[in-house]
């Protein structure tokens, strides 16, 4: 069986997100597909909006990098970003999200990016996050799929 090659795809961030974080470009791992210049995202974006794990995107080479140009296929997943200053809460939230079927990645020890698969209720995710949102964490919808918008 042929192993699928992975590449880093560069995304220019929304100016507001770039100003808040000091990060202007995020690289997300992608896997080759059978279509030319088309890749399936195989890591969870943290700051990028509008795409999620499993989506297929087009990317064009420029300045020795692959740059995102557009989404071509929605995988049905959603992405939620979570921030907290409480290191213990980070692991608690990740454990609760894992329990309901969401995988997540950690960035800078305080930011979590969670993938919400199409078969997981986005309402269950909001329930987990709202439990801690009073003053202990903040969360943002980075990409909400049509499947989850219909809930």
Protein backbone atom coordinates (compact mmCIF):
# COMPACT_ATOMS: atom_id res chain seq x y z
CA UNK A 1 0.00 0.00 0.00
CA UNK A 2 1.36 3.43 -0.97
CA UNK A 3 1.91 5.84 1.91
CA UNK A 4 0.30 9.26 1.42
CA UNK A 5 2.76 12.15 1.44
CA UNK A 6 2.08 15.01 3.84
CA UNK A 7 2.90 18.65 3.30
CA UNK A 8 2.53 21.88 5.25
CA UNK A 9 -0.06 24.27 3.86
CA UNK A 10 0.31 27.92 4.84
CA UNK A 11 -2.80 29.96 5.69
CA UNK A 12 -2.78 33.74 6.01
CA UNK A 13 -4.70 34.57 9.16
CA UNK A 14 -7.60 36.95 9.56
CA UNK A 15 -6.09 40.40 10.36
CA UNK A 16 -7.96 40.62 13.68
CA UNK A 17 -6.63 37.22 14.80
CA UNK A 18 -3.13 38.17 13.62
CA UNK A 19 -3.27 41.39 15.64
CA UNK A 20 -4.47 39.60 18.79
CA UNK A 21 -1.95 36.76 18.61
CA UNK A 22 1.03 38.24 16.80
CA UNK A 23 0.82 35.28 14.40
CA UNK A 24 0.18 36.09 10.74
CA UNK A 25 0.51 32.66 9.11
CA UNK A 26 -0.47 29.21 10.38
CA UNK A 27 0.76 26.00 8.77
CA UNK A 28 -1.59 23.02 8.77
CA UNK A 29 -0.62 19.50 7.70
CA UNK A 30 -2.25 18.21 4.54
CA UNK A 31 -2.17 14.87 2.72
CA UNK A 32 -2.05 14.44 -1.05
CA UNK A 33 -5.30 13.49 -2.75
CA UNK A 34 -5.80 12.17 -6.27
CA UNK A 35 -6.77 15.66 -7.51
CA UNK A 36 -3.98 18.04 -8.59
CA UNK A 37 -2.95 20.69 -6.02
CA UNK A 38 -5.61 19.36 -3.63
CA UNK A 39 -4.90 18.21 -0.07
CA UNK A 40 -6.92 16.74 2.79
CA UNK A 41 -6.22 18.53 6.08
CA UNK A 42 -4.79 16.04 8.57
CA UNK A 43 -4.16 18.29 11.57
CA UNK A 44 -6.55 20.51 13.51
CA UNK A 45 -6.15 24.23 12.74
CA UNK A 46 -5.75 26.56 15.73
CA UNK A 47 -6.20 30.07 14.37
CA UNK A 48 -7.35 29.52 10.78
CA UNK A 49 -11.04 30.12 10.18
CA UNK A 50 -13.31 28.37 7.70
CA UNK A 51 -11.61 24.96 7.48
CA UNK A 52 -11.51 21.85 9.66
CA UNK A 53 -9.78 18.50 9.93
CA UNK A 54 -10.56 16.34 6.90
CA UNK A 55 -11.59 19.19 4.60
CA UNK A 56 -10.05 19.15 1.13
CA UNK A 57 -8.32 22.37 0.06
CA UNK A 58 -6.47 23.69 -2.96
CA UNK A 59 -3.01 25.11 -2.43
CA UNK A 60 -0.60 26.83 -4.79
CA UNK A 61 3.18 26.98 -4.52
CA UNK A 62 4.67 30.46 -4.09
CA UNK A 63 7.84 31.64 -2.33
CA UNK A 64 8.83 28.02 -1.61
CA UNK A 65 5.60 27.37 0.31
CA UNK A 66 2.22 25.88 -0.42
CA UNK A 67 -0.39 28.58 0.18
CA UNK A 68 -4.08 27.87 0.78
CA UNK A 69 -6.27 29.15 -2.04
CA UNK A 70 -9.72 27.70 -1.31
CA UNK A 71 -11.73 24.91 0.28
CA UNK A 72 -13.03 22.41 -2.27
CA UNK A 73 -14.73 19.79 -0.08
CA UNK A 74 -16.22 20.02 3.40
CA UNK A 75 -15.66 16.94 5.58
CA UNK A 76 -18.56 17.85 7.89
CA UNK A 77 -16.32 18.49 10.90
CA UNK A 78 -16.19 21.70 12.94
CA UNK A 79 -13.32 23.40 14.78
CA UNK A 80 -13.51 25.16 18.13
CA UNK A 81 -10.59 27.04 19.73
CA UNK A 82 -10.35 27.26 23.52
CA UNK A 83 -8.11 29.48 25.68
CA UNK A 84 -7.51 29.40 29.43
CA UNK A 85 -4.78 30.49 31.84
CA UNK A 86 -5.51 27.44 34.02
CA UNK A 87 -3.19 24.55 33.03
CA UNK A 88 -5.23 22.01 35.00
CA UNK A 89 -8.42 23.13 33.27
CA UNK A 90 -6.79 22.56 29.87
CA UNK A 91 -6.47 18.84 30.60
CA UNK A 92 -9.92 18.62 32.21
CA UNK A 93 -11.57 20.16 29.15
CA UNK A 94 -9.55 17.99 26.74
CA UNK A 95 -10.57 14.88 28.71
CA UNK A 96 -14.25 15.85 28.63
CA UNK A 97 -14.11 16.60 24.90
CA UNK A 98 -12.36 13.26 24.27
CA UNK A 99 -15.11 11.51 26.24
CA UNK A 100 -17.79 12.85 23.86
CA UNK A 101 -15.75 11.97 20.76
CA UNK A 102 -13.68 15.08 20.00
CA UNK A 103 -9.94 14.96 19.49
CA UNK A 104 -7.89 18.03 20.27
CA UNK A 105 -4.42 19.52 19.98
CA UNK A 106 -2.57 21.79 22.40
CA UNK A 107 -0.68 24.96 21.47
CA UNK A 108 1.39 27.16 23.80
CA UNK A 109 0.19 25.14 26.82
CA UNK A 110 -3.00 27.22 27.13
CA UNK A 111 -4.78 26.97 23.80
CA UNK A 112 -6.71 23.94 22.65
CA UNK A 113 -8.09 23.37 19.19
CA UNK A 114 -10.85 20.76 19.14
CA UNK A 115 -12.18 18.84 16.18
CA UNK A 116 -15.91 18.15 16.40
CA UNK A 117 -16.70 15.24 14.04
CA UNK A 118 -19.95 15.38 12.07
CA UNK A 119 -21.46 12.57 14.19
CA UNK A 120 -20.85 14.42 17.50
CA UNK A 121 -23.50 16.90 18.64
CA UNK A 122 -22.13 20.45 18.71
CA UNK A 123 -24.60 21.01 21.56
CA UNK A 124 -22.64 18.53 23.68
CA UNK A 125 -19.47 20.54 23.00
CA UNK A 126 -21.16 23.82 24.00
CA UNK A 127 -22.41 22.12 27.18
CA UNK A 128 -18.85 21.13 28.16
CA UNK A 129 -17.41 24.56 27.35
CA UNK A 130 -20.22 26.57 28.95
CA UNK A 131 -19.66 24.66 32.18
CA UNK A 132 -16.26 26.39 32.49
CA UNK A 133 -16.78 29.62 30.56
CA UNK A 134 -17.89 31.89 33.40
CA UNK A 135 -14.42 33.20 34.16
CA UNK A 136 -12.05 30.34 33.49
CA UNK A 137 -12.00 29.91 29.71
CA UNK A 138 -12.91 31.56 26.44
CA UNK A 139 -13.81 29.78 23.23
CA UNK A 140 -14.35 30.67 19.59
CA UNK A 141 -16.03 28.99 16.65
CA UNK A 142 -13.27 28.73 14.05
CA UNK A 143 -15.25 26.67 11.53
CA UNK A 144 -18.77 25.31 11.94
CA UNK A 145 -19.90 22.77 9.35
CA UNK A 146 -23.33 22.78 7.73
CA UNK A 147 -24.08 19.57 9.66
CA UNK A 148 -23.55 21.36 12.98
CA UNK A 149 -25.27 24.59 11.88
CA UNK A 150 -28.46 22.57 11.39
CA UNK A 151 -28.53 21.36 15.01
